[in-house]
C-alpha atoms as a PDB file:
ATOM      1  CA  ALA A   1       7.828 129.909 234.435  1.00  0.00           C
ATOM      2  CA  GLU A   2       6.085 127.430 236.805  1.00  0.00           C
ATOM      3  CA  PRO A   3       6.063 123.430 236.585  1.00  0.00           C
ATOM      4  CA  ILE A   4       2.718 122.064 235.242  1.00  0.00           C
ATOM      5  CA  ILE A   5       1.443 120.475 238.299  1.00  0.00           C
ATOM      6  CA  LEU A   6      -0.915 117.187 237.814  1.00  0.00           C
ATOM      7  CA  THR A   7      -2.842 116.068 240.829  1.00  0.00           C
ATOM      8  CA  PRO A   8      -4.960 112.811 241.418  1.00  0.00           C
ATOM      9  CA  ALA A   9      -8.100 114.926 239.791  1.00  0.00           C
ATOM     10  CA  HIS A  10      -6.048 114.624 236.441  1.00  0.00           C
ATOM     11  CA  SER A  11      -6.013 110.740 236.802  1.00  0.00           C
ATOM     12  CA  GLY A  12      -7.486 108.909 234.020  1.00  0.00           C
ATOM     13  CA  THR A  13      -8.491 105.312 233.247  1.00  0.00           C
ATOM     14  CA  GLN A  14      -6.711 102.285 231.866  1.00  0.00           C
ATOM     15  CA  LYS A  15      -8.593 102.682 228.681  1.00  0.00           C
ATOM     16  CA  LYS A  16      -8.746 106.189 228.576  1.00  0.00           C
ATOM     17  CA  PRO A  17      -5.825 107.823 230.096  1.00  0.00           C
ATOM     18  CA  PHE A  18      -5.375 111.714 230.967  1.00  0.00           C
ATOM     19  CA  THR A  19      -3.546 112.563 227.853  1.00  0.00           C
ATOM     20  CA  ILE A  20      -1.134 115.762 227.000  1.00  0.00           C
ATOM     21  CA  ARG A  21      -0.055 115.788 223.458  1.00  0.00           C
ATOM     22  CA  PRO A  22       0.050 117.858 220.378  1.00  0.00           C
ATOM     23  CA  TYR A  23      -2.848 118.954 218.823  1.00  0.00           C
ATOM     24  CA  SER A  24      -2.964 117.188 215.097  1.00  0.00           C
ATOM     25  CA  GLU A  25       0.374 117.335 213.878  1.00  0.00           C
ATOM     26  CA  GLU A  26       1.608 120.449 215.476  1.00  0.00           C
ATOM     27  CA  GLN A  27       5.076 120.758 216.886  1.00  0.00           C
ATOM     28  CA  VAL A  28       4.886 121.576 220.868  1.00  0.00           C
ATOM     29  CA  THR A  29       7.958 122.495 222.824  1.00  0.00           C
ATOM     30  CA  VAL A  30       7.665 123.059 226.647  1.00  0.00           C
ATOM     31  CA  LYS A  31      10.353 125.109 227.804  1.00  0.00           C
ATOM     32  CA  GLY A  32      11.493 126.094 231.470  1.00  0.00           C
ATOM     33  CA  SER A  33      13.430 129.068 230.285  1.00  0.00           C
ATOM     34  CA  ALA A  34      13.042 132.796 230.394  1.00  0.00           C
ATOM     35  CA  VAL A  35      13.912 135.232 227.730  1.00  0.00           C
ATOM     36  CA  ILE A  36      16.680 137.719 228.567  1.00  0.00           C
ATOM     37  CA  LYS A  37      15.021 140.906 226.594  1.00  0.00           C
ATOM     38  CA  GLY A  38      16.312 144.218 225.789  1.00  0.00           C
ATOM     39  CA  LEU A  39      20.115 143.604 226.347  1.00  0.00           C
ATOM     40  CA  VAL A  40      22.268 146.615 225.679  1.00  0.00           C
ATOM     41  CA  TRP A  41      25.744 145.376 224.966  1.00  0.00           C
ATOM     42  CA  GLN A  42      28.912 146.971 225.500  1.00  0.00           C
ATOM     43  CA  GLU A  43      32.369 145.586 224.685  1.00  0.00           C
ATOM     44  CA  TYR A  44      34.346 144.571 227.588  1.00  0.00           C
ATOM     45  CA  ARG A  45      37.673 143.585 226.357  1.00  0.00           C
ATOM     46  CA  ASP A  46      39.331 140.911 223.777  1.00  0.00           C
ATOM     47  CA  GLY A  47      36.125 140.006 222.261  1.00  0.00           C
ATOM     48  CA  ILE A  48      33.904 139.529 225.465  1.00  0.00           C
ATOM     49  CA  MET A  49      30.838 141.725 225.491  1.00  0.00           C
ATOM     50  CA  CYS A  50      28.841 142.668 228.483  1.00  0.00           C
ATOM     51  CA  ALA A  51      25.200 143.619 229.218  1.00  0.00           C
ATOM     52  CA  PRO A  52      23.373 144.596 232.397  1.00  0.00           C
ATOM     53  CA  ILE A  53      20.352 142.037 232.534  1.00  0.00           C
ATOM     54  CA  GLY A  54      18.601 145.405 234.376  1.00  0.00           C
ATOM     55  CA  ASP A  55      14.705 144.972 235.148  1.00  0.00           C
ATOM     56  CA  ASN A  56      14.281 141.554 233.512  1.00  0.00           C
ATOM     57  CA  THR A  57      12.508 139.145 235.823  1.00  0.00           C
ATOM     58  CA  VAL A  58      14.980 136.494 235.808  1.00  0.00           C
ATOM     59  CA  GLY A  59      16.446 134.681 238.805  1.00  0.00           C
ATOM     60  CA  ASP A  60      20.107 133.337 238.918  1.00  0.00           C
ATOM     61  CA  PHE A  61      20.813 130.565 236.447  1.00  0.00           C
ATOM     62  CA  ASP A  62      23.430 127.969 235.524  1.00  0.00           C
ATOM     63  CA  GLN A  63      23.047 127.412 231.884  1.00  0.00           C
ATOM     64  CA  LEU A  64      22.529 129.991 228.773  1.00  0.00           C
ATOM     65  CA  PHE A  65      21.222 129.364 225.547  1.00  0.00           C
ATOM     66  CA  VAL A  66      21.703 131.498 222.517  1.00  0.00           C
ATOM     67  CA  ASN A  67      19.307 131.103 219.611  1.00  0.00           C
ATOM     68  CA  GLY A  68      18.430 127.560 221.178  1.00  0.00           C
ATOM     69  CA  GLN A  69      22.136 126.290 221.541  1.00  0.00           C
ATOM     70  CA  LYS A  70      23.670 125.791 225.204  1.00  0.00           C
ATOM     71  CA  GLN A  71      26.626 127.943 225.426  1.00  0.00           C
ATOM     72  CA  ILE A  72      29.715 127.023 227.773  1.00  0.00           C
ATOM     73  CA  ARG A  73      29.759 128.578 231.374  1.00  0.00           C
ATOM     74  CA  ALA A  74      33.422 130.025 231.447  1.00  0.00           C
ATOM     75  CA  ARG A  75      35.769 127.291 232.657  1.00  0.00           C
ATOM     76  CA  TYR A  76      39.249 125.666 232.645  1.00  0.00           C
ATOM     77  CA  PRO A  77      40.549 123.889 230.861  1.00  0.00           C
ATOM     78  CA  ASN A  78      38.384 125.357 227.887  1.00  0.00           C
ATOM     79  CA  TYR A  79      35.632 123.003 226.323  1.00  0.00           C
ATOM     80  CA  ASN A  80      36.941 120.199 223.981  1.00  0.00           C
ATOM     81  CA  PRO A  81      34.394 117.719 222.752  1.00  0.00           C
ATOM     82  CA  ALA A  82      36.832 115.202 221.858  1.00  0.00           C
ATOM     83  CA  VAL A  83      37.988 114.723 225.415  1.00  0.00           C
ATOM     84  CA  ARG A  84      35.861 112.077 227.280  1.00  0.00           C
ATOM     85  CA  HIS A  85      36.237 113.547 230.731  1.00  0.00           C
ATOM     86  CA  PHE A  86      34.390 116.807 231.433  1.00  0.00           C
ATOM     87  CA  ASN A  87      35.002 117.755 227.579  1.00  0.00           C
ATOM     88  CA  GLY A  88      38.555 118.812 228.774  1.00  0.00           C
ATOM     89  CA  TYR A  89      40.471 118.342 232.088  1.00  0.00           C
ATOM     90  CA  SER A  90      43.838 119.563 233.924  1.00  0.00           C
ATOM     91  CA  PRO A  91      45.472 118.322 237.066  1.00  0.00           C
ATOM     92  CA  ASP A  92      46.194 122.283 237.797  1.00  0.00           C
ATOM     93  CA  ALA A  93      42.639 123.341 237.285  1.00  0.00           C
ATOM     94  CA  ILE A  94      42.358 124.419 240.980  1.00  0.00           C
ATOM     95  CA  SER A  95      46.001 124.956 241.801  1.00  0.00           C
ATOM     96  CA  ILE A  96      47.131 127.818 243.996  1.00  0.00           C
ATOM     97  CA  GLU A  97      49.402 128.903 240.968  1.00  0.00           C
ATOM     98  CA  ARG A  98      46.210 129.077 239.081  1.00  0.00           C
ATOM     99  CA  ASN A  99      43.496 130.277 241.414  1.00  0.00           C
ATOM    100  CA  LYS A 100      45.999 133.195 242.530  1.00  0.00           C
ATOM    101  CA  HIS A 101      44.925 135.128 239.324  1.00  0.00           C
ATOM    102  CA  TRP A 102      41.292 134.799 240.308  1.00  0.00           C
ATOM    103  CA  LYS A 103      40.102 137.911 242.063  1.00  0.00           C
ATOM    104  CA  ASN A 104      36.885 135.926 243.763  1.00  0.00           C
ATOM    105  CA  PRO A 105      36.473 132.472 243.375  1.00  0.00           C
ATOM    106  CA  ALA A 106      33.620 132.185 245.326  1.00  0.00           C
ATOM    107  CA  GLY A 107      30.575 130.538 243.539  1.00  0.00           C
ATOM    108  CA  GLY A 108      32.980 128.769 241.261  1.00  0.00           C
ATOM    109  CA  ILE A 109      32.095 124.753 240.734  1.00  0.00           C
ATOM    110  CA  VAL A 110      34.657 122.252 240.715  1.00  0.00           C
ATOM    111  CA  HIS A 111      34.188 118.788 238.795  1.00  0.00           C
ATOM    112  CA  ALA A 112      36.392 115.893 239.489  1.00  0.00           C
ATOM    113  CA  MET A 113      36.290 112.261 239.012  1.00  0.00           C
ATOM    114  CA  HIS A 114      36.536 109.804 242.110  1.00  0.00           C
ATOM    115  CA  ARG A 115      40.236 108.804 242.603  1.00  0.00           C
ATOM    116  CA  HIS A 116      39.558 105.326 240.993  1.00  0.00           C
ATOM    117  CA  GLU A 117      36.614 106.642 238.499  1.00  0.00           C
ATOM    118  CA  TRP A 118      34.087 105.336 240.272  1.00  0.00           C
ATOM    119  CA  GLY A 119      31.729 108.075 239.721  1.00  0.00           C
ATOM    120  CA  GLY A 120      32.335 111.971 240.212  1.00  0.00           C
ATOM    121  CA  TYR A 121      32.379 114.566 242.623  1.00  0.00           C
ATOM    122  CA  GLN A 122      30.910 118.024 242.498  1.00  0.00           C
ATOM    123  CA  TYR A 123      31.837 121.032 244.775  1.00  0.00           C
ATOM    124  CA  GLU A 124      31.076 124.818 245.340  1.00  0.00           C
ATOM    125  CA  ILE A 125      34.014 127.096 245.900  1.00  0.00           C
ATOM    126  CA  THR A 126      33.082 129.243 249.000  1.00  0.00           C
ATOM    127  CA  GLY A 127      36.707 131.204 248.863  1.00  0.00           C
ATOM    128  CA  ARG A 128      40.251 131.064 249.421  1.00  0.00           C
ATOM    129  CA  GLY A 129      42.334 130.271 252.411  1.00  0.00           C
ATOM    130  CA  GLU A 130      45.220 132.038 253.781  1.00  0.00           C
ATOM    131  CA  ASP A 131      47.582 129.583 252.300  1.00  0.00           C
ATOM    132  CA  GLY A 132      46.409 129.889 248.901  1.00  0.00           C
ATOM    133  CA  GLU A 133      44.217 126.814 248.572  1.00  0.00           C
ATOM    134  CA  LEU A 134      40.655 127.203 247.540  1.00  0.00           C
ATOM    135  CA  THR A 135      38.097 126.536 250.327  1.00  0.00           C
ATOM    136  CA  ILE A 136      35.091 124.118 248.953  1.00  0.00           C
ATOM    137  CA  LYS A 137      31.950 122.133 250.065  1.00  0.00           C
ATOM    138  CA  GLY A 138      30.411 119.615 248.561  1.00  0.00           C
ATOM    139  CA  GLY A 139      31.576 116.228 247.291  1.00  0.00           C
ATOM    140  CA  TYR A 140      28.873 113.981 248.552  1.00  0.00           C
ATOM    141  CA  GLN A 141      27.485 112.727 245.320  1.00  0.00           C
ATOM    142  CA  ASN A 142      29.795 109.552 245.904  1.00  0.00           C
ATOM    143  CA  ASN A 143      29.069 107.294 248.333  1.00  0.00           C
ATOM    144  CA  ARG A 144      32.852 105.728 248.121  1.00  0.00           C
ATOM    145  CA  GLN A 145      34.989 108.557 249.299  1.00  0.00           C
ATOM    146  CA  MET A 146      38.635 108.429 248.327  1.00  0.00           C
ATOM    147  CA  GLY A 147      38.952 112.188 247.091  1.00  0.00           C
ATOM    148  CA  MET A 148      39.502 113.686 243.788  1.00  0.00           C
ATOM    149  CA  HIS A 149      41.449 112.131 240.809  1.00  0.00           C
ATOM    150  CA  THR A 150      44.619 113.650 240.617  1.00  0.00           C
ATOM    151  CA  ASP A 151      44.317 114.502 236.817  1.00  0.00           C
ATOM    152  CA  TYR A 152      40.636 114.444 235.973  1.00  0.00           C
ATOM    153  CA  ARG A 153      39.276 117.713 237.036  1.00  0.00           C
ATOM    154  CA  MET A 154      37.941 120.968 235.722  1.00  0.00           C
ATOM    155  CA  VAL A 155      36.617 124.273 237.267  1.00  0.00           C
ATOM    156  CA  GLU A 156      33.628 126.407 235.671  1.00  0.00           C
ATOM    157  CA  ASN A 157      31.858 129.580 236.847  1.00  0.00           C
ATOM    158  CA  ILE A 158      35.177 131.667 237.166  1.00  0.00           C
ATOM    159  CA  PHE A 159      35.327 134.963 235.723  1.00  0.00           C
ATOM    160  CA  GLU A 160      39.080 135.038 234.668  1.00  0.00           C
ATOM    161  CA  GLU A 161      38.528 131.823 232.489  1.00  0.00           C
ATOM    162  CA  LEU A 162      36.287 133.699 230.379  1.00  0.00           C
ATOM    163  CA  ASP A 163      38.452 133.372 227.170  1.00  0.00           C
ATOM    164  CA  SER A 164      36.895 131.273 224.271  1.00  0.00           C
ATOM    165  CA  PRO A 165      34.109 131.951 221.972  1.00  0.00           C
ATOM    166  CA  GLY A 166      30.730 130.673 223.314  1.00  0.00           C
ATOM    167  CA  GLU A 167      31.569 131.181 226.883  1.00  0.00           C
ATOM    168  CA  TRP A 168      29.652 133.238 229.242  1.00  0.00           C
ATOM    169  CA  TYR A 169      29.738 134.156 232.675  1.00  0.00           C
ATOM    170  CA  TYR A 170      27.121 135.824 235.018  1.00  0.00           C
ATOM    171  CA  ASN A 171      28.006 138.366 237.784  1.00  0.00           C
ATOM    172  CA  THR A 172      25.185 137.846 239.957  1.00  0.00           C
ATOM    173  CA  ALA A 173      26.062 140.595 242.667  1.00  0.00           C
ATOM    174  CA  GLU A 174      25.871 143.293 239.477  1.00  0.00           C
ATOM    175  CA  ARG A 175      23.658 141.253 237.323  1.00  0.00           C
ATOM    176  CA  ILE A 176      25.539 141.736 234.453  1.00  0.00           C
ATOM    177  CA  LEU A 177      25.950 139.247 231.744  1.00  0.00           C
ATOM    178  CA  TYR A 178      29.450 138.740 230.285  1.00  0.00           C
ATOM    179  CA  TYR A 179      29.540 136.744 226.806  1.00  0.00           C
ATOM    180  CA  TYR A 180      32.227 136.017 223.974  1.00  0.00           C
ATOM    181  CA  PRO A 181      30.221 135.524 220.804  1.00  0.00           C
ATOM    182  CA  ALA A 182      31.430 133.337 218.123  1.00  0.00           C
ATOM    183  CA  PRO A 183      32.260 135.137 215.106  1.00  0.00           C
ATOM    184  CA  ASP A 184      29.031 134.251 213.300  1.00  0.00           C
ATOM    185  CA  THR A 185      26.801 135.388 216.051  1.00  0.00           C
ATOM    186  CA  ASP A 186      25.055 138.484 215.990  1.00  0.00           C
ATOM    187  CA  ILE A 187      24.259 139.016 219.399  1.00  0.00           C
ATOM    188  CA  THR A 188      21.940 142.247 218.655  1.00  0.00           C
ATOM    189  CA  THR A 189      19.317 139.786 217.366  1.00  0.00           C
ATOM    190  CA  ALA A 190      20.053 136.627 218.845  1.00  0.00           C
ATOM    191  CA  LEU A 191      17.721 135.390 221.656  1.00  0.00           C
ATOM    192  CA  PHE A 192      19.148 134.625 224.942  1.00  0.00           C
ATOM    193  CA  GLU A 193      17.259 132.180 227.370  1.00  0.00           C
ATOM    194  CA  VAL A 194      17.989 130.968 230.597  1.00  0.00           C
ATOM    195  CA  PRO A 195      16.369 127.974 232.607  1.00  0.00           C
ATOM    196  CA  GLN A 196      14.226 129.235 235.518  1.00  0.00           C
ATOM    197  CA  THR A 197      12.550 125.940 236.720  1.00  0.00           C
ATOM    198  CA  GLU A 198      13.890 122.348 237.687  1.00  0.00           C
ATOM    199  CA  SER A 199      10.743 120.429 236.503  1.00  0.00           C
ATOM    200  CA  LEU A 200       8.390 121.058 233.710  1.00  0.00           C
ATOM    201  CA  PHE A 201       5.656 118.431 235.018  1.00  0.00           C
ATOM    202  CA  ILE A 202       5.244 117.208 238.474  1.00  0.00           C
ATOM    203  CA  LEU A 203       2.685 114.530 239.524  1.00  0.00           C
ATOM    204  CA  ARG A 204       1.601 115.228 243.310  1.00  0.00           C
ATOM    205  CA  GLY A 205      -0.201 112.433 244.773  1.00  0.00           C
ATOM    206  CA  SER A 206       0.326 110.108 247.663  1.00  0.00           C
ATOM    207  CA  GLU A 207      -0.058 106.688 248.589  1.00  0.00           C
ATOM    208  CA  GLU A 208      -3.619 106.784 249.270  1.00  0.00           C
ATOM    209  CA  CYS A 209      -4.688 109.273 246.571  1.00  0.00           C
ATOM    210  CA  PRO A 210      -2.086 108.658 243.580  1.00  0.00           C
ATOM    211  CA  VAL A 211      -2.061 110.287 240.161  1.00  0.00           C
ATOM    212  CA  LYS A 212      -2.971 107.202 237.897  1.00  0.00           C
ATOM    213  CA  PHE A 213      -3.168 106.667 234.243  1.00  0.00           C
ATOM    214  CA  VAL A 214      -1.327 109.712 232.801  1.00  0.00           C
ATOM    215  CA  GLU A 215       0.305 109.845 229.437  1.00  0.00           C
ATOM    216  CA  ILE A 216       2.371 112.708 228.152  1.00  0.00           C
ATOM    217  CA  SER A 217       3.816 112.164 224.863  1.00  0.00           C
ATOM    218  CA  GLY A 218       4.714 113.993 221.368  1.00  0.00           C
ATOM    219  CA  LEU A 219       6.219 117.000 223.330  1.00  0.00           C
ATOM    220  CA  GLU A 220       9.693 118.513 223.118  1.00  0.00           C
ATOM    221  CA  LEU A 221      11.105 119.380 226.592  1.00  0.00           C
ATOM    222  CA  GLN A 222      13.817 121.823 226.961  1.00  0.00           C
ATOM    223  CA  HIS A 223      15.490 124.222 229.246  1.00  0.00           C
ATOM    224  CA  THR A 224      15.394 123.336 232.876  1.00  0.00           C
ATOM    225  CA  LEU A 225      17.807 124.012 235.818  1.00  0.00           C
ATOM    226  CA  TYR A 226      20.210 121.259 236.658  1.00  0.00           C
END
């Protein structure tokens, strides 16, 4: 639930570093996720299931893992591993014609390449204007501002785009998880995990009192927030 904090008190020496590693030949996984327990699923429509998060002590999340496999946040266009840009892109991803079918687009995320592909941009959708255009904030990730690429763009975290096996959407206001399971997934027995922390290990020192000679090895690190 919280990062493991290493301070100057954990410092070792060059010959004998402070070491965190698996005992003997054991396999050790350190996760920053919480398990969503007690999900009671109901059919929503067209293969989509829904379940209230209820009393689970989990905060908001931007990733979902089912039986250890990362699932796809509801998006347009649909995920395609064979496509290089965003695993699927479309010029009309945020067009007026497209977004007019979205009841509440706020909270959606727009990903787009730089107009000349000099990196990318990410924006949060904050709403929709009277002209039908989406209102967005962000885009600061690229220091060569020239606007979005006209073709290479996609949008995720849009409820109405939940239409493909493996996709999911979380209604944060109502705390309801929507999930479109693949045919071979038994959601009644599956393990649902959501990342809850950004970091697993933090070295917390200062210039005057640094953390020195720390070795972390042999661990599998999983499930942290973006």
